[in-house]
mmCIF file of all heavy atoms, coordinates in Angstrom:
data_MODEL
# 
_entry.id   MODEL 
# 
loop_
_atom_site.group_PDB 
_atom_site.id 
_atom_site.type_symbol 
_atom_site.label_atom_id 
_atom_site.label_alt_id 
_atom_site.label_comp_id 
_atom_site.label_asym_id 
_atom_site.label_entity_id 
_atom_site.label_seq_id 
_atom_site.pdbx_PDB_ins_code 
_atom_site.Cartn_x 
_atom_site.Cartn_y 
_atom_site.Cartn_z 
_atom_site.occupancy 
_atom_site.B_iso_or_equiv 
_atom_site.pdbx_formal_charge 
_atom_site.auth_seq_id 
_atom_site.auth_comp_id 
_atom_site.auth_asym_id 
_atom_site.auth_atom_id 
_atom_site.pdbx_PDB_model_num 
ATOM 1   N N   . CYS A 1 1  ? 0.855   -1.223  -0.017  1.00 0.00 ? 1  CYS A N   1 
ATOM 2   C CA  . CYS A 1 1  ? -0.016  -0.021  0.128   1.00 0.00 ? 1  CYS A CA  1 
ATOM 3   C C   . CYS A 1 1  ? 0.854   1.247   0.093   1.00 0.00 ? 1  CYS A C   1 
ATOM 4   O O   . CYS A 1 1  ? 1.357   1.711   1.045   1.00 0.00 ? 1  CYS A O   1 
ATOM 5   C CB  . CYS A 1 1  ? -0.864  0.035   1.230   1.00 0.00 ? 1  CYS A CB  1 
ATOM 6   S SG  . CYS A 1 1  ? -2.070  1.307   1.190   1.00 0.00 ? 1  CYS A SG  1 
ATOM 7   N N   . ILE A 1 2  ? 1.242   1.751   -1.198  1.00 0.00 ? 2  ILE A N   1 
ATOM 8   C CA  . ILE A 1 2  ? 1.957   3.032   -1.371  1.00 0.00 ? 2  ILE A CA  1 
ATOM 9   C C   . ILE A 1 2  ? 1.503   3.742   -2.626  1.00 0.00 ? 2  ILE A C   1 
ATOM 10  O O   . ILE A 1 2  ? 0.906   3.214   -3.461  1.00 0.00 ? 2  ILE A O   1 
ATOM 11  C CB  . ILE A 1 2  ? 3.527   2.665   -1.405  1.00 0.00 ? 2  ILE A CB  1 
ATOM 12  C CG1 . ILE A 1 2  ? 3.842   1.755   -2.647  1.00 0.00 ? 2  ILE A CG1 1 
ATOM 13  C CG2 . ILE A 1 2  ? 4.119   2.096   -0.177  1.00 0.00 ? 2  ILE A CG2 1 
ATOM 14  C CD1 . ILE A 1 2  ? 5.226   1.556   -2.965  1.00 0.00 ? 2  ILE A CD1 1 
ATOM 15  N N   . ASP A 1 3  ? 2.068   5.019   -2.757  1.00 0.00 ? 3  ASP A N   1 
ATOM 16  C CA  . ASP A 1 3  ? 1.852   5.702   -3.935  1.00 0.00 ? 3  ASP A CA  1 
ATOM 17  C C   . ASP A 1 3  ? 2.980   5.296   -4.967  1.00 0.00 ? 3  ASP A C   1 
ATOM 18  O O   . ASP A 1 3  ? 4.167   4.949   -4.522  1.00 0.00 ? 3  ASP A O   1 
ATOM 19  C CB  . ASP A 1 3  ? 1.971   7.232   -3.724  1.00 0.00 ? 3  ASP A CB  1 
ATOM 20  C CG  . ASP A 1 3  ? 1.643   8.031   -4.852  1.00 0.00 ? 3  ASP A CG  1 
ATOM 21  O OD1 . ASP A 1 3  ? 2.284   7.872   -5.904  1.00 0.00 ? 3  ASP A OD1 1 
ATOM 22  O OD2 . ASP A 1 3  ? 0.727   8.965   -4.631  1.00 0.00 ? 3  ASP A OD2 1 
ATOM 23  N N   . ALA A 1 4  ? 2.730   5.090   -6.135  1.00 0.00 ? 4  ALA A N   1 
ATOM 24  C CA  . ALA A 1 4  ? 3.523   4.682   -7.314  1.00 0.00 ? 4  ALA A CA  1 
ATOM 25  C C   . ALA A 1 4  ? 4.809   5.517   -7.365  1.00 0.00 ? 4  ALA A C   1 
ATOM 26  O O   . ALA A 1 4  ? 5.886   4.945   -7.727  1.00 0.00 ? 4  ALA A O   1 
ATOM 27  C CB  . ALA A 1 4  ? 2.888   4.597   -8.625  1.00 0.00 ? 4  ALA A CB  1 
ATOM 28  N N   . ILE A 1 5  ? 4.895   6.757   -6.910  1.00 0.00 ? 5  ILE A N   1 
ATOM 29  C CA  . ILE A 1 5  ? 5.966   7.608   -7.088  1.00 0.00 ? 5  ILE A CA  1 
ATOM 30  C C   . ILE A 1 5  ? 6.974   7.189   -6.091  1.00 0.00 ? 5  ILE A C   1 
ATOM 31  O O   . ILE A 1 5  ? 8.220   7.511   -6.119  1.00 0.00 ? 5  ILE A O   1 
ATOM 32  C CB  . ILE A 1 5  ? 5.634   9.153   -6.859  1.00 0.00 ? 5  ILE A CB  1 
ATOM 33  C CG1 . ILE A 1 5  ? 6.818   9.999   -7.384  1.00 0.00 ? 5  ILE A CG1 1 
ATOM 34  C CG2 . ILE A 1 5  ? 5.357   9.321   -5.355  1.00 0.00 ? 5  ILE A CG2 1 
ATOM 35  C CD1 . ILE A 1 5  ? 6.858   9.960   -8.872  1.00 0.00 ? 5  ILE A CD1 1 
ATOM 36  N N   . GLU A 1 6  ? 6.656   6.300   -5.083  1.00 0.00 ? 6  GLU A N   1 
ATOM 37  C CA  . GLU A 1 6  ? 7.611   5.780   -4.105  1.00 0.00 ? 6  GLU A CA  1 
ATOM 38  C C   . GLU A 1 6  ? 8.226   4.544   -4.468  1.00 0.00 ? 6  GLU A C   1 
ATOM 39  O O   . GLU A 1 6  ? 9.156   3.991   -3.674  1.00 0.00 ? 6  GLU A O   1 
ATOM 40  C CB  . GLU A 1 6  ? 6.870   5.697   -2.763  1.00 0.00 ? 6  GLU A CB  1 
ATOM 41  C CG  . GLU A 1 6  ? 6.332   7.032   -2.153  1.00 0.00 ? 6  GLU A CG  1 
ATOM 42  C CD  . GLU A 1 6  ? 5.528   6.667   -0.963  1.00 0.00 ? 6  GLU A CD  1 
ATOM 43  O OE1 . GLU A 1 6  ? 5.894   5.767   -0.160  1.00 0.00 ? 6  GLU A OE1 1 
ATOM 44  O OE2 . GLU A 1 6  ? 4.530   7.328   -0.657  1.00 0.00 ? 6  GLU A OE2 1 
ATOM 45  N N   . LEU A 1 7  ? 8.007   3.974   -5.570  1.00 0.00 ? 7  LEU A N   1 
ATOM 46  C CA  . LEU A 1 7  ? 8.469   2.660   -5.962  1.00 0.00 ? 7  LEU A CA  1 
ATOM 47  C C   . LEU A 1 7  ? 10.019  2.519   -5.933  1.00 0.00 ? 7  LEU A C   1 
ATOM 48  O O   . LEU A 1 7  ? 10.528  1.490   -5.643  1.00 0.00 ? 7  LEU A O   1 
ATOM 49  C CB  . LEU A 1 7  ? 7.867   2.240   -7.447  1.00 0.00 ? 7  LEU A CB  1 
ATOM 50  C CG  . LEU A 1 7  ? 6.421   1.996   -7.427  1.00 0.00 ? 7  LEU A CG  1 
ATOM 51  C CD1 . LEU A 1 7  ? 5.992   1.831   -8.866  1.00 0.00 ? 7  LEU A CD1 1 
ATOM 52  C CD2 . LEU A 1 7  ? 6.198   0.647   -6.622  1.00 0.00 ? 7  LEU A CD2 1 
ATOM 53  N N   . GLY A 1 8  ? 10.723  3.608   -6.387  1.00 0.00 ? 8  GLY A N   1 
ATOM 54  C CA  . GLY A 1 8  ? 12.177  3.546   -6.372  1.00 0.00 ? 8  GLY A CA  1 
ATOM 55  C C   . GLY A 1 8  ? 12.654  3.388   -5.003  1.00 0.00 ? 8  GLY A C   1 
ATOM 56  O O   . GLY A 1 8  ? 13.878  2.923   -4.789  1.00 0.00 ? 8  GLY A O   1 
ATOM 57  N N   . ASN A 1 9  ? 12.078  3.677   -3.952  1.00 0.00 ? 9  ASN A N   1 
ATOM 58  C CA  . ASN A 1 9  ? 12.387  3.400   -2.511  1.00 0.00 ? 9  ASN A CA  1 
ATOM 59  C C   . ASN A 1 9  ? 12.180  1.976   -1.967  1.00 0.00 ? 9  ASN A C   1 
ATOM 60  O O   . ASN A 1 9  ? 12.465  1.616   -0.849  1.00 0.00 ? 9  ASN A O   1 
ATOM 61  C CB  . ASN A 1 9  ? 11.745  4.480   -1.565  1.00 0.00 ? 9  ASN A CB  1 
ATOM 62  C CG  . ASN A 1 9  ? 12.117  5.814   -1.928  1.00 0.00 ? 9  ASN A CG  1 
ATOM 63  O OD1 . ASN A 1 9  ? 13.238  6.230   -2.211  1.00 0.00 ? 9  ASN A OD1 1 
ATOM 64  N ND2 . ASN A 1 9  ? 10.993  6.716   -1.753  1.00 0.00 ? 9  ASN A ND2 1 
ATOM 65  N N   . VAL A 1 10 ? 11.339  1.230   -2.794  1.00 0.00 ? 10 VAL A N   1 
ATOM 66  C CA  . VAL A 1 10 ? 10.859  -0.067  -2.355  1.00 0.00 ? 10 VAL A CA  1 
ATOM 67  C C   . VAL A 1 10 ? 11.556  -1.228  -3.167  1.00 0.00 ? 10 VAL A C   1 
ATOM 68  O O   . VAL A 1 10 ? 11.854  -2.248  -2.579  1.00 0.00 ? 10 VAL A O   1 
ATOM 69  C CB  . VAL A 1 10 ? 9.341   -0.068  -2.593  1.00 0.00 ? 10 VAL A CB  1 
ATOM 70  C CG1 . VAL A 1 10 ? 8.762   -1.429  -2.305  1.00 0.00 ? 10 VAL A CG1 1 
ATOM 71  C CG2 . VAL A 1 10 ? 8.669   0.907   -1.778  1.00 0.00 ? 10 VAL A CG2 1 
ATOM 72  N N   . PHE A 1 11 ? 11.824  -0.921  -4.521  1.00 0.00 ? 11 PHE A N   1 
ATOM 73  C CA  . PHE A 1 11 ? 12.430  -2.063  -5.277  1.00 0.00 ? 11 PHE A CA  1 
ATOM 74  C C   . PHE A 1 11 ? 13.716  -1.512  -5.969  1.00 0.00 ? 11 PHE A C   1 
ATOM 75  O O   . PHE A 1 11 ? 14.005  -0.245  -6.055  1.00 0.00 ? 11 PHE A O   1 
ATOM 76  C CB  . PHE A 1 11 ? 11.497  -2.363  -6.540  1.00 0.00 ? 11 PHE A CB  1 
ATOM 77  C CG  . PHE A 1 11 ? 10.233  -2.993  -6.061  1.00 0.00 ? 11 PHE A CG  1 
ATOM 78  C CD1 . PHE A 1 11 ? 9.099   -2.194  -6.126  1.00 0.00 ? 11 PHE A CD1 1 
ATOM 79  C CD2 . PHE A 1 11 ? 10.110  -4.274  -5.611  1.00 0.00 ? 11 PHE A CD2 1 
ATOM 80  C CE1 . PHE A 1 11 ? 7.725   -2.681  -5.707  1.00 0.00 ? 11 PHE A CE1 1 
ATOM 81  C CE2 . PHE A 1 11 ? 8.852   -4.624  -5.104  1.00 0.00 ? 11 PHE A CE2 1 
ATOM 82  C CZ  . PHE A 1 11 ? 7.743   -3.810  -5.319  1.00 0.00 ? 11 PHE A CZ  1 
ATOM 83  N N   . GLU A 1 12 ? 14.613  -2.448  -6.211  1.00 0.00 ? 12 GLU A N   1 
ATOM 84  C CA  . GLU A 1 12 ? 15.834  -2.058  -6.841  1.00 0.00 ? 12 GLU A CA  1 
ATOM 85  C C   . GLU A 1 12 ? 16.245  -3.219  -7.931  1.00 0.00 ? 12 GLU A C   1 
ATOM 86  O O   . GLU A 1 12 ? 16.647  -4.262  -7.553  1.00 0.00 ? 12 GLU A O   1 
ATOM 87  C CB  . GLU A 1 12 ? 17.000  -1.981  -5.903  1.00 0.00 ? 12 GLU A CB  1 
ATOM 88  C CG  . GLU A 1 12 ? 18.269  -1.619  -6.449  1.00 0.00 ? 12 GLU A CG  1 
ATOM 89  C CD  . GLU A 1 12 ? 19.393  -1.310  -5.444  1.00 0.00 ? 12 GLU A CD  1 
ATOM 90  O OE1 . GLU A 1 12 ? 19.201  -1.628  -4.248  1.00 0.00 ? 12 GLU A OE1 1 
ATOM 91  O OE2 . GLU A 1 12 ? 20.490  -0.840  -5.800  1.00 0.00 ? 12 GLU A OE2 1 
ATOM 92  N N   . LYS A 1 13 ? 15.943  -2.922  -9.093  1.00 0.00 ? 13 LYS A N   1 
ATOM 93  C CA  . LYS A 1 13 ? 16.294  -3.868  -10.268 1.00 0.00 ? 13 LYS A CA  1 
ATOM 94  C C   . LYS A 1 13 ? 15.848  -5.251  -10.004 1.00 0.00 ? 13 LYS A C   1 
ATOM 95  O O   . LYS A 1 13 ? 16.655  -6.220  -10.035 1.00 0.00 ? 13 LYS A O   1 
ATOM 96  C CB  . LYS A 1 13 ? 17.781  -3.730  -10.494 1.00 0.00 ? 13 LYS A CB  1 
ATOM 97  C CG  . LYS A 1 13 ? 18.314  -2.341  -10.949 1.00 0.00 ? 13 LYS A CG  1 
ATOM 98  C CD  . LYS A 1 13 ? 19.768  -2.481  -11.429 1.00 0.00 ? 13 LYS A CD  1 
ATOM 99  C CE  . LYS A 1 13 ? 20.194  -0.925  -11.799 1.00 0.00 ? 13 LYS A CE  1 
ATOM 100 N NZ  . LYS A 1 13 ? 19.316  -0.424  -12.880 1.00 0.00 ? 13 LYS A NZ  1 
ATOM 101 N N   . GLU A 1 14 ? 14.538  -5.327  -9.691  1.00 0.00 ? 14 GLU A N   1 
ATOM 102 C CA  . GLU A 1 14 ? 14.002  -6.670  -9.532  1.00 0.00 ? 14 GLU A CA  1 
ATOM 103 C C   . GLU A 1 14 ? 12.646  -7.049  -10.221 1.00 0.00 ? 14 GLU A C   1 
ATOM 104 O O   . GLU A 1 14 ? 11.990  -8.027  -9.789  1.00 0.00 ? 14 GLU A O   1 
ATOM 105 C CB  . GLU A 1 14 ? 13.947  -6.986  -7.975  1.00 0.00 ? 14 GLU A CB  1 
ATOM 106 C CG  . GLU A 1 14 ? 13.228  -5.946  -7.152  1.00 0.00 ? 14 GLU A CG  1 
ATOM 107 C CD  . GLU A 1 14 ? 13.742  -5.985  -5.683  1.00 0.00 ? 14 GLU A CD  1 
ATOM 108 O OE1 . GLU A 1 14 ? 13.818  -7.164  -5.115  1.00 0.00 ? 14 GLU A OE1 1 
ATOM 109 O OE2 . GLU A 1 14 ? 13.883  -4.971  -4.998  1.00 0.00 ? 14 GLU A OE2 1 
ATOM 110 N N   . ILE A 1 15 ? 12.046  -6.057  -10.909 1.00 0.00 ? 15 ILE A N   1 
ATOM 111 C CA  . ILE A 1 15 ? 10.786  -6.127  -11.584 1.00 0.00 ? 15 ILE A CA  1 
ATOM 112 C C   . ILE A 1 15 ? 11.016  -6.496  -13.020 1.00 0.00 ? 15 ILE A C   1 
ATOM 113 O O   . ILE A 1 15 ? 11.716  -5.871  -13.801 1.00 0.00 ? 15 ILE A O   1 
ATOM 114 C CB  . ILE A 1 15 ? 9.925   -4.956  -11.408 1.00 0.00 ? 15 ILE A CB  1 
ATOM 115 C CG1 . ILE A 1 15 ? 9.769   -4.613  -9.962  1.00 0.00 ? 15 ILE A CG1 1 
ATOM 116 C CG2 . ILE A 1 15 ? 8.623   -5.102  -12.211 1.00 0.00 ? 15 ILE A CG2 1 
ATOM 117 C CD1 . ILE A 1 15 ? 9.097   -5.662  -9.136  1.00 0.00 ? 15 ILE A CD1 1 
ATOM 118 N N   . GLU A 1 16 ? 10.333  -7.472  -13.553 1.00 0.00 ? 16 GLU A N   1 
ATOM 119 C CA  . GLU A 1 16 ? 10.454  -8.009  -14.961 1.00 0.00 ? 16 GLU A CA  1 
ATOM 120 C C   . GLU A 1 16 ? 9.482   -7.216  -15.732 1.00 0.00 ? 16 GLU A C   1 
ATOM 121 O O   . GLU A 1 16 ? 9.682   -6.772  -16.864 1.00 0.00 ? 16 GLU A O   1 
ATOM 122 C CB  . GLU A 1 16 ? 10.206  -9.505  -15.159 1.00 0.00 ? 16 GLU A CB  1 
ATOM 123 C CG  . GLU A 1 16 ? 10.415  -9.940  -16.611 1.00 0.00 ? 16 GLU A CG  1 
ATOM 124 C CD  . GLU A 1 16 ? 10.096  -11.412 -16.614 1.00 0.00 ? 16 GLU A CD  1 
ATOM 125 O OE1 . GLU A 1 16 ? 8.919   -11.764 -16.688 1.00 0.00 ? 16 GLU A OE1 1 
ATOM 126 O OE2 . GLU A 1 16 ? 11.084  -12.206 -16.851 1.00 0.00 ? 16 GLU A OE2 1 
ATOM 127 N N   . THR A 1 17 ? 8.166   -7.147  -15.201 1.00 0.00 ? 17 THR A N   1 
ATOM 128 C CA  . THR A 1 17 ? 7.017   -6.498  -16.147 1.00 0.00 ? 17 THR A CA  1 
ATOM 129 C C   . THR A 1 17 ? 6.235   -5.733  -15.256 1.00 0.00 ? 17 THR A C   1 
ATOM 130 O O   . THR A 1 17 ? 5.951   -5.896  -14.066 1.00 0.00 ? 17 THR A O   1 
ATOM 131 C CB  . THR A 1 17 ? 6.153   -7.677  -16.733 1.00 0.00 ? 17 THR A CB  1 
ATOM 132 O OG1 . THR A 1 17 ? 6.967   -8.453  -17.512 1.00 0.00 ? 17 THR A OG1 1 
ATOM 133 C CG2 . THR A 1 17 ? 4.941   -7.103  -17.544 1.00 0.00 ? 17 THR A CG2 1 
ATOM 134 N N   . ILE A 1 18 ? 5.682   -4.539  -15.759 1.00 0.00 ? 18 ILE A N   1 
ATOM 135 C CA  . ILE A 1 18 ? 4.831   -3.531  -15.134 1.00 0.00 ? 18 ILE A CA  1 
ATOM 136 C C   . ILE A 1 18 ? 3.493   -3.654  -15.713 1.00 0.00 ? 18 ILE A C   1 
ATOM 137 O O   . ILE A 1 18 ? 3.507   -3.531  -17.049 1.00 0.00 ? 18 ILE A O   1 
ATOM 138 C CB  . ILE A 1 18 ? 5.289   -2.220  -15.030 1.00 0.00 ? 18 ILE A CB  1 
ATOM 139 C CG1 . ILE A 1 18 ? 6.476   -2.122  -14.015 1.00 0.00 ? 18 ILE A CG1 1 
ATOM 140 C CG2 . ILE A 1 18 ? 4.193   -1.191  -14.606 1.00 0.00 ? 18 ILE A CG2 1 
ATOM 141 C CD1 . ILE A 1 18 ? 7.175   -0.802  -13.921 1.00 0.00 ? 18 ILE A CD1 1 
ATOM 142 N N   . TYR A 1 19 ? 2.355   -3.843  -15.144 1.00 0.00 ? 19 TYR A N   1 
ATOM 143 C CA  . TYR A 1 19 ? 1.017   -3.739  -15.752 1.00 0.00 ? 19 TYR A CA  1 
ATOM 144 C C   . TYR A 1 19 ? 0.266   -2.377  -15.180 1.00 0.00 ? 19 TYR A C   1 
ATOM 145 O O   . TYR A 1 19 ? 0.484   -1.964  -13.967 1.00 0.00 ? 19 TYR A O   1 
ATOM 146 C CB  . TYR A 1 19 ? 0.147   -4.774  -15.084 1.00 0.00 ? 19 TYR A CB  1 
ATOM 147 C CG  . TYR A 1 19 ? 0.624   -6.165  -15.589 1.00 0.00 ? 19 TYR A CG  1 
ATOM 148 C CD1 . TYR A 1 19 ? 1.417   -6.959  -14.719 1.00 0.00 ? 19 TYR A CD1 1 
ATOM 149 C CD2 . TYR A 1 19 ? 0.495   -6.674  -16.879 1.00 0.00 ? 19 TYR A CD2 1 
ATOM 150 C CE1 . TYR A 1 19 ? 1.813   -8.321  -15.050 1.00 0.00 ? 19 TYR A CE1 1 
ATOM 151 C CE2 . TYR A 1 19 ? 0.928   -8.045  -17.251 1.00 0.00 ? 19 TYR A CE2 1 
ATOM 152 C CZ  . TYR A 1 19 ? 1.652   -8.710  -16.297 1.00 0.00 ? 19 TYR A CZ  1 
ATOM 153 O OH  . TYR A 1 19 ? 2.054   -9.982  -16.630 1.00 0.00 ? 19 TYR A OH  1 
ATOM 154 N N   . LEU A 1 20 ? -0.173  -1.740  -16.126 1.00 0.00 ? 20 LEU A N   1 
ATOM 155 C CA  . LEU A 1 20 ? -0.968  -0.442  -15.878 1.00 0.00 ? 20 LEU A CA  1 
ATOM 156 C C   . LEU A 1 20 ? -2.405  -0.655  -16.443 1.00 0.00 ? 20 LEU A C   1 
ATOM 157 O O   . LEU A 1 20 ? -2.614  -0.468  -17.665 1.00 0.00 ? 20 LEU A O   1 
ATOM 158 C CB  . LEU A 1 20 ? -0.318  0.831   -16.554 1.00 0.00 ? 20 LEU A CB  1 
ATOM 159 C CG  . LEU A 1 20 ? 1.127   1.000   -16.209 1.00 0.00 ? 20 LEU A CG  1 
ATOM 160 C CD1 . LEU A 1 20 ? 1.847   2.199   -16.960 1.00 0.00 ? 20 LEU A CD1 1 
ATOM 161 C CD2 . LEU A 1 20 ? 1.413   1.466   -14.714 1.00 0.00 ? 20 LEU A CD2 1 
ATOM 162 N N   . ASN A 1 21 ? -3.216  -0.983  -15.614 1.00 0.00 ? 21 ASN A N   1 
ATOM 163 C CA  . ASN A 1 21 ? -4.648  -1.325  -16.050 1.00 0.00 ? 21 ASN A CA  1 
ATOM 164 C C   . ASN A 1 21 ? -5.613  -0.258  -15.577 1.00 0.00 ? 21 ASN A C   1 
ATOM 165 O O   . ASN A 1 21 ? -5.804  -0.109  -14.448 1.00 0.00 ? 21 ASN A O   1 
ATOM 166 C CB  . ASN A 1 21 ? -5.020  -2.685  -15.410 1.00 0.00 ? 21 ASN A CB  1 
ATOM 167 C CG  . ASN A 1 21 ? -4.089  -3.821  -15.883 1.00 0.00 ? 21 ASN A CG  1 
ATOM 168 O OD1 . ASN A 1 21 ? -3.901  -3.919  -16.991 1.00 0.00 ? 21 ASN A OD1 1 
ATOM 169 N ND2 . ASN A 1 21 ? -3.874  -4.731  -15.014 1.00 0.00 ? 21 ASN A ND2 1 
ATOM 170 N N   . PHE A 1 22 ? -6.170  0.417   -16.515 1.00 0.00 ? 22 PHE A N   1 
ATOM 171 C CA  . PHE A 1 22 ? -7.224  1.384   -16.265 1.00 0.00 ? 22 PHE A CA  1 
ATOM 172 C C   . PHE A 1 22 ? -6.803  2.354   -15.304 1.00 0.00 ? 22 PHE A C   1 
ATOM 173 O O   . PHE A 1 22 ? -7.612  2.632   -14.261 1.00 0.00 ? 22 PHE A O   1 
ATOM 174 C CB  . PHE A 1 22 ? -8.564  0.647   -15.962 1.00 0.00 ? 22 PHE A CB  1 
ATOM 175 C CG  . PHE A 1 22 ? -8.911  -0.354  -17.102 1.00 0.00 ? 22 PHE A CG  1 
ATOM 176 C CD1 . PHE A 1 22 ? -8.492  -1.684  -17.027 1.00 0.00 ? 22 PHE A CD1 1 
ATOM 177 C CD2 . PHE A 1 22 ? -9.625  0.127   -18.132 1.00 0.00 ? 22 PHE A CD2 1 
ATOM 178 C CE1 . PHE A 1 22 ? -8.828  -2.488  -17.968 1.00 0.00 ? 22 PHE A CE1 1 
ATOM 179 C CE2 . PHE A 1 22 ? -10.045 -0.708  -19.247 1.00 0.00 ? 22 PHE A CE2 1 
ATOM 180 C CZ  . PHE A 1 22 ? -9.532  -2.021  -19.109 1.00 0.00 ? 22 PHE A CZ  1 
ATOM 181 N N   . SER A 1 23 ? -5.647  2.923   -15.505 1.00 0.00 ? 23 SER A N   1 
ATOM 182 C CA  . SER A 1 23 ? -5.149  3.933   -14.612 1.00 0.00 ? 23 SER A CA  1 
ATOM 183 C C   . SER A 1 23 ? -6.023  5.230   -14.688 1.00 0.00 ? 23 SER A C   1 
ATOM 184 O O   . SER A 1 23 ? -6.556  5.402   -15.780 1.00 0.00 ? 23 SER A O   1 
ATOM 185 C CB  . SER A 1 23 ? -3.641  4.282   -14.841 1.00 0.00 ? 23 SER A CB  1 
ATOM 186 O OG  . SER A 1 23 ? -2.778  3.078   -14.971 1.00 0.00 ? 23 SER A OG  1 
ATOM 187 N N   . ASP A 1 24 ? -5.839  6.090   -13.690 1.00 0.00 ? 24 ASP A N   1 
ATOM 188 C CA  . ASP A 1 24 ? -6.611  7.402   -13.737 1.00 0.00 ? 24 ASP A CA  1 
ATOM 189 C C   . ASP A 1 24 ? -6.018  8.175   -15.096 1.00 0.00 ? 24 ASP A C   1 
ATOM 190 O O   . ASP A 1 24 ? -4.748  8.361   -15.048 1.00 0.00 ? 24 ASP A O   1 
ATOM 191 C CB  . ASP A 1 24 ? -6.280  8.135   -12.447 1.00 0.00 ? 24 ASP A CB  1 
ATOM 192 C CG  . ASP A 1 24 ? -7.151  9.403   -12.368 1.00 0.00 ? 24 ASP A CG  1 
ATOM 193 O OD1 . ASP A 1 24 ? -7.480  10.073  -13.452 1.00 0.00 ? 24 ASP A OD1 1 
ATOM 194 O OD2 . ASP A 1 24 ? -7.480  9.794   -11.146 1.00 0.00 ? 24 ASP A OD2 1 
ATOM 195 N N   . PRO A 1 25 ? -6.737  8.626   -15.896 1.00 0.00 ? 25 PRO A N   1 
ATOM 196 C CA  . PRO A 1 25 ? -6.365  9.149   -17.116 1.00 0.00 ? 25 PRO A CA  1 
ATOM 197 C C   . PRO A 1 25 ? -5.939  10.642  -16.906 1.00 0.00 ? 25 PRO A C   1 
ATOM 198 O O   . PRO A 1 25 ? -5.196  11.196  -17.736 1.00 0.00 ? 25 PRO A O   1 
ATOM 199 C CB  . PRO A 1 25 ? -7.572  9.235   -18.128 1.00 0.00 ? 25 PRO A CB  1 
ATOM 200 C CG  . PRO A 1 25 ? -8.658  9.213   -17.159 1.00 0.00 ? 25 PRO A CG  1 
ATOM 201 C CD  . PRO A 1 25 ? -8.305  8.425   -15.985 1.00 0.00 ? 25 PRO A CD  1 
ATOM 202 N N   . TRP A 1 26 ? -6.249  11.393  -15.854 1.00 0.00 ? 26 TRP A N   1 
ATOM 203 C CA  . TRP A 1 26 ? -5.804  12.730  -15.648 1.00 0.00 ? 26 TRP A CA  1 
ATOM 204 C C   . TRP A 1 26 ? -5.951  13.485  -16.896 1.00 0.00 ? 26 TRP A C   1 
ATOM 205 O O   . TRP A 1 26 ? -5.008  13.922  -17.468 1.00 0.00 ? 26 TRP A O   1 
ATOM 206 C CB  . TRP A 1 26 ? -4.353  12.686  -15.014 1.00 0.00 ? 26 TRP A CB  1 
ATOM 207 C CG  . TRP A 1 26 ? -4.207  12.160  -13.675 1.00 0.00 ? 26 TRP A CG  1 
ATOM 208 C CD1 . TRP A 1 26 ? -3.565  11.009  -13.432 1.00 0.00 ? 26 TRP A CD1 1 
ATOM 209 C CD2 . TRP A 1 26 ? -4.574  12.677  -12.393 1.00 0.00 ? 26 TRP A CD2 1 
ATOM 210 N NE1 . TRP A 1 26 ? -3.718  10.770  -11.994 1.00 0.00 ? 26 TRP A NE1 1 
ATOM 211 C CE2 . TRP A 1 26 ? -4.311  11.839  -11.400 1.00 0.00 ? 26 TRP A CE2 1 
ATOM 212 C CE3 . TRP A 1 26 ? -5.484  13.962  -12.038 1.00 0.00 ? 26 TRP A CE3 1 
ATOM 213 C CZ2 . TRP A 1 26 ? -4.584  12.091  -10.061 1.00 0.00 ? 26 TRP A CZ2 1 
ATOM 214 C CZ3 . TRP A 1 26 ? -5.486  14.174  -10.760 1.00 0.00 ? 26 TRP A CZ3 1 
ATOM 215 C CH2 . TRP A 1 26 ? -5.258  13.221  -9.752  1.00 0.00 ? 26 TRP A CH2 1 
ATOM 216 N N   . PRO A 1 27 ? -7.140  13.631  -17.405 1.00 0.00 ? 27 PRO A N   1 
ATOM 217 C CA  . PRO A 1 27 ? -7.467  14.301  -18.712 1.00 0.00 ? 27 PRO A CA  1 
ATOM 218 C C   . PRO A 1 27 ? -7.010  15.668  -18.750 1.00 0.00 ? 27 PRO A C   1 
ATOM 219 O O   . PRO A 1 27 ? -6.695  16.180  -19.951 1.00 0.00 ? 27 PRO A O   1 
ATOM 220 C CB  . PRO A 1 27 ? -8.977  14.216  -18.889 1.00 0.00 ? 27 PRO A CB  1 
ATOM 221 C CG  . PRO A 1 27 ? -9.447  14.077  -17.461 1.00 0.00 ? 27 PRO A CG  1 
ATOM 222 C CD  . PRO A 1 27 ? -8.449  13.376  -16.678 1.00 0.00 ? 27 PRO A CD  1 
# 
């Protein structure tokens, strides 16, 4: 449970694929 902007503080070169499903479009 975090904001996506914080991902760099949580992971370090260990993700293979990112899924972005029906994200807020911020039109």
